[in-house]
Amino acid sequence: MSDLSAEDAKLVTLARAARARTRAAEGAAVRDSDGRTYSACTVALDTVDLTALQLAVAMALASGVKGLEAAAVVTEADTADINVVRHFAGAAIPVVVADPTGEVRNVINT
């Protein structure tokens, strides 16, 4: 995480904690335009299937957020579906994709 800003490294830490707390497939965190953060994990039920990033964005929206500055996803997969960030926050939002140890694999801009 050494190449990340302190604020983006915090998002990775929050995403890792959300994933570890629940032993979910993914953890995610987003930072809104006011600097507040929201973290979540994957929800996989018989009738509901949400990625961690979808849920983190939904939590931010439920709090009245008007925009996002950045996001992070912690996953064992090589990439993450960032469409929810793109649809809500628009272009040029960085999404950090990290492995479960916090090692950054990629930073994708929406």
C-alpha atoms as a PDB file:
ATOM      1  CA  MET A   1       0.000   0.000   0.000  1.00  0.00           C
ATOM      2  CA  SER A   2       3.044   2.275  -0.035  1.00  0.00           C
ATOM      3  CA  ASP A   3       2.120   3.915  -3.371  1.00  0.00           C
ATOM      4  CA  LEU A   4      -1.328   4.915  -2.101  1.00  0.00           C
ATOM      5  CA  SER A   5      -2.210   8.132  -0.334  1.00  0.00           C
ATOM      6  CA  ALA A   6      -3.012   7.741   3.352  1.00  0.00           C
ATOM      7  CA  GLU A   7      -6.719   8.238   2.575  1.00  0.00           C
ATOM      8  CA  ASP A   8      -6.741   5.506  -0.084  1.00  0.00           C
ATOM      9  CA  ALA A   9      -4.731   3.164   2.144  1.00  0.00           C
ATOM     10  CA  LYS A  10      -7.428   3.688   4.801  1.00  0.00           C
ATOM     11  CA  LEU A  11     -10.049   2.517   2.295  1.00  0.00           C
ATOM     12  CA  VAL A  12      -8.077  -0.685   1.695  1.00  0.00           C
ATOM     13  CA  THR A  13      -7.773  -1.225   5.460  1.00  0.00           C
ATOM     14  CA  LEU A  14     -11.520  -0.732   5.955  1.00  0.00           C
ATOM     15  CA  ALA A  15     -12.301  -3.089   3.065  1.00  0.00           C
ATOM     16  CA  ARG A  16      -9.947  -5.734   4.467  1.00  0.00           C
ATOM     17  CA  ALA A  17     -11.576  -5.442   7.897  1.00  0.00           C
ATOM     18  CA  ALA A  18     -15.104  -5.776   6.476  1.00  0.00           C
ATOM     19  CA  ARG A  19     -14.071  -8.882   4.544  1.00  0.00           C
ATOM     20  CA  ALA A  20     -12.226 -10.451   7.468  1.00  0.00           C
ATOM     21  CA  ARG A  21     -14.989  -9.730   9.974  1.00  0.00           C
ATOM     22  CA  THR A  22     -17.508 -11.749   7.994  1.00  0.00           C
ATOM     23  CA  ARG A  23     -15.206 -14.068   6.036  1.00  0.00           C
ATOM     24  CA  ALA A  24     -16.913 -12.818   2.881  1.00  0.00           C
ATOM     25  CA  ALA A  25     -15.594 -13.162  -0.654  1.00  0.00           C
ATOM     26  CA  GLU A  26     -15.001  -9.402  -0.925  1.00  0.00           C
ATOM     27  CA  GLY A  27     -14.748  -6.308   1.199  1.00  0.00           C
ATOM     28  CA  ALA A  28     -15.129  -2.767  -0.093  1.00  0.00           C
ATOM     29  CA  ALA A  29     -15.004   0.796   1.118  1.00  0.00           C
ATOM     30  CA  VAL A  30     -15.893   4.126  -0.452  1.00  0.00           C
ATOM     31  CA  ARG A  31     -15.063   7.717   0.481  1.00  0.00           C
ATOM     32  CA  ASP A  32     -17.688  10.354  -0.224  1.00  0.00           C
ATOM     33  CA  SER A  33     -17.102  13.915  -1.378  1.00  0.00           C
ATOM     34  CA  ASP A  34     -17.160  15.087   2.263  1.00  0.00           C
ATOM     35  CA  GLY A  35     -14.462  12.575   3.313  1.00  0.00           C
ATOM     36  CA  ARG A  36     -16.775  10.155   5.134  1.00  0.00           C
ATOM     37  CA  THR A  37     -16.188   6.445   4.591  1.00  0.00           C
ATOM     38  CA  TYR A  38     -18.521   3.475   4.242  1.00  0.00           C
ATOM     39  CA  SER A  39     -17.443  -0.169   4.215  1.00  0.00           C
ATOM     40  CA  ALA A  40     -19.275  -3.378   3.419  1.00  0.00           C
ATOM     41  CA  CYS A  41     -18.821  -7.007   2.472  1.00  0.00           C
ATOM     42  CA  THR A  42     -20.335  -9.329  -0.107  1.00  0.00           C
ATOM     43  CA  VAL A  43     -23.904 -10.450   0.565  1.00  0.00           C
ATOM     44  CA  ALA A  44     -24.699 -13.834  -0.959  1.00  0.00           C
ATOM     45  CA  LEU A  45     -28.097 -15.217   0.012  1.00  0.00           C
ATOM     46  CA  ASP A  46     -30.585 -17.389  -1.847  1.00  0.00           C
ATOM     47  CA  THR A  47     -32.605 -14.348  -2.888  1.00  0.00           C
ATOM     48  CA  VAL A  48     -30.054 -11.495  -2.738  1.00  0.00           C
ATOM     49  CA  ASP A  49     -26.598 -11.305  -4.271  1.00  0.00           C
ATOM     50  CA  LEU A  50     -24.663  -8.032  -3.835  1.00  0.00           C
ATOM     51  CA  THR A  51     -21.000  -7.326  -4.320  1.00  0.00           C
ATOM     52  CA  ALA A  52     -19.220  -5.561  -1.496  1.00  0.00           C
ATOM     53  CA  LEU A  53     -18.822  -2.466  -3.661  1.00  0.00           C
ATOM     54  CA  GLN A  54     -22.530  -2.384  -4.526  1.00  0.00           C
ATOM     55  CA  LEU A  55     -23.414  -2.508  -0.847  1.00  0.00           C
ATOM     56  CA  ALA A  56     -20.843   0.122   0.163  1.00  0.00           C
ATOM     57  CA  VAL A  57     -22.227   2.500  -2.475  1.00  0.00           C
ATOM     58  CA  ALA A  58     -25.799   1.713  -1.368  1.00  0.00           C
ATOM     59  CA  MET A  59     -24.874   2.519   2.244  1.00  0.00           C
ATOM     60  CA  ALA A  60     -23.368   5.834   1.143  1.00  0.00           C
ATOM     61  CA  LEU A  61     -26.484   6.635  -0.903  1.00  0.00           C
ATOM     62  CA  ALA A  62     -28.716   5.790   2.053  1.00  0.00           C
ATOM     63  CA  SER A  63     -26.764   8.370   4.070  1.00  0.00           C
ATOM     64  CA  GLY A  64     -27.501  11.098   1.548  1.00  0.00           C
ATOM     65  CA  VAL A  65     -24.157  11.221  -0.219  1.00  0.00           C
ATOM     66  CA  LYS A  66     -24.001  13.392  -3.333  1.00  0.00           C
ATOM     67  CA  GLY A  67     -20.732  12.024  -4.774  1.00  0.00           C
ATOM     68  CA  LEU A  68     -17.736   9.747  -4.270  1.00  0.00           C
ATOM     69  CA  GLU A  69     -14.014  10.527  -4.296  1.00  0.00           C
ATOM     70  CA  ALA A  70     -12.580   7.006  -4.285  1.00  0.00           C
ATOM     71  CA  ALA A  71     -13.254   3.344  -3.583  1.00  0.00           C
ATOM     72  CA  ALA A  72     -11.380   0.161  -2.738  1.00  0.00           C
ATOM     73  CA  VAL A  73     -12.195  -3.526  -3.168  1.00  0.00           C
ATOM     74  CA  VAL A  74     -10.363  -6.372  -1.450  1.00  0.00           C
ATOM     75  CA  THR A  75     -10.813  -9.643  -3.275  1.00  0.00           C
ATOM     76  CA  GLU A  76      -9.000 -12.775  -4.337  1.00  0.00           C
ATOM     77  CA  ALA A  77     -10.180 -12.152  -7.896  1.00  0.00           C
ATOM     78  CA  ASP A  78      -7.904 -10.347 -10.340  1.00  0.00           C
ATOM     79  CA  THR A  79     -10.396  -7.545 -10.947  1.00  0.00           C
ATOM     80  CA  ALA A  80     -13.632  -6.077  -9.610  1.00  0.00           C
ATOM     81  CA  ASP A  81     -16.898  -4.907 -11.128  1.00  0.00           C
ATOM     82  CA  ILE A  82     -16.799  -1.126 -10.730  1.00  0.00           C
ATOM     83  CA  ASN A  83     -19.971  -0.319 -12.672  1.00  0.00           C
ATOM     84  CA  VAL A  84     -21.868   0.795  -9.566  1.00  0.00           C
ATOM     85  CA  VAL A  85     -19.246   3.472  -8.870  1.00  0.00           C
ATOM     86  CA  ARG A  86     -19.278   4.610 -12.498  1.00  0.00           C
ATOM     87  CA  HIS A  87     -23.071   4.833 -12.604  1.00  0.00           C
ATOM     88  CA  PHE A  88     -23.338   6.776  -9.346  1.00  0.00           C
ATOM     89  CA  ALA A  89     -20.187   8.899  -9.275  1.00  0.00           C
ATOM     90  CA  GLY A  90     -19.241   9.278 -12.941  1.00  0.00           C
ATOM     91  CA  ALA A  91     -15.867   9.245 -14.648  1.00  0.00           C
ATOM     92  CA  ALA A  92     -12.350   9.460 -13.223  1.00  0.00           C
ATOM     93  CA  ILE A  93     -13.109   7.963  -9.788  1.00  0.00           C
ATOM     94  CA  PRO A  94     -10.199   5.742  -8.696  1.00  0.00           C
ATOM     95  CA  VAL A  95     -11.064   2.240  -7.494  1.00  0.00           C
ATOM     96  CA  VAL A  96      -8.200   0.418  -5.781  1.00  0.00           C
ATOM     97  CA  VAL A  97      -8.276  -3.366  -6.215  1.00  0.00           C
ATOM     98  CA  ALA A  98      -6.223  -5.197  -3.597  1.00  0.00           C
ATOM     99  CA  ASP A  99      -5.682  -8.794  -2.556  1.00  0.00           C
ATOM    100  CA  PRO A 100      -6.622 -10.035   0.947  1.00  0.00           C
ATOM    101  CA  THR A 101      -3.198  -9.052   2.320  1.00  0.00           C
ATOM    102  CA  GLY A 102      -3.725  -5.462   1.171  1.00  0.00           C
ATOM    103  CA  GLU A 103      -1.310  -5.703  -1.746  1.00  0.00           C
ATOM    104  CA  VAL A 104      -2.591  -3.401  -4.483  1.00  0.00           C
ATOM    105  CA  ARG A 105      -3.168  -5.206  -7.761  1.00  0.00           C
ATOM    106  CA  ASN A 106      -4.534  -2.315  -9.752  1.00  0.00           C
ATOM    107  CA  VAL A 107      -6.122   1.111  -9.603  1.00  0.00           C
ATOM    108  CA  ILE A 108      -8.969   1.395 -12.102  1.00  0.00           C
ATOM    109  CA  ASN A 109     -10.486   4.749 -12.977  1.00  0.00           C
ATOM    110  CA  THR A 110     -14.175   4.760 -13.787  1.00  0.00           C
END
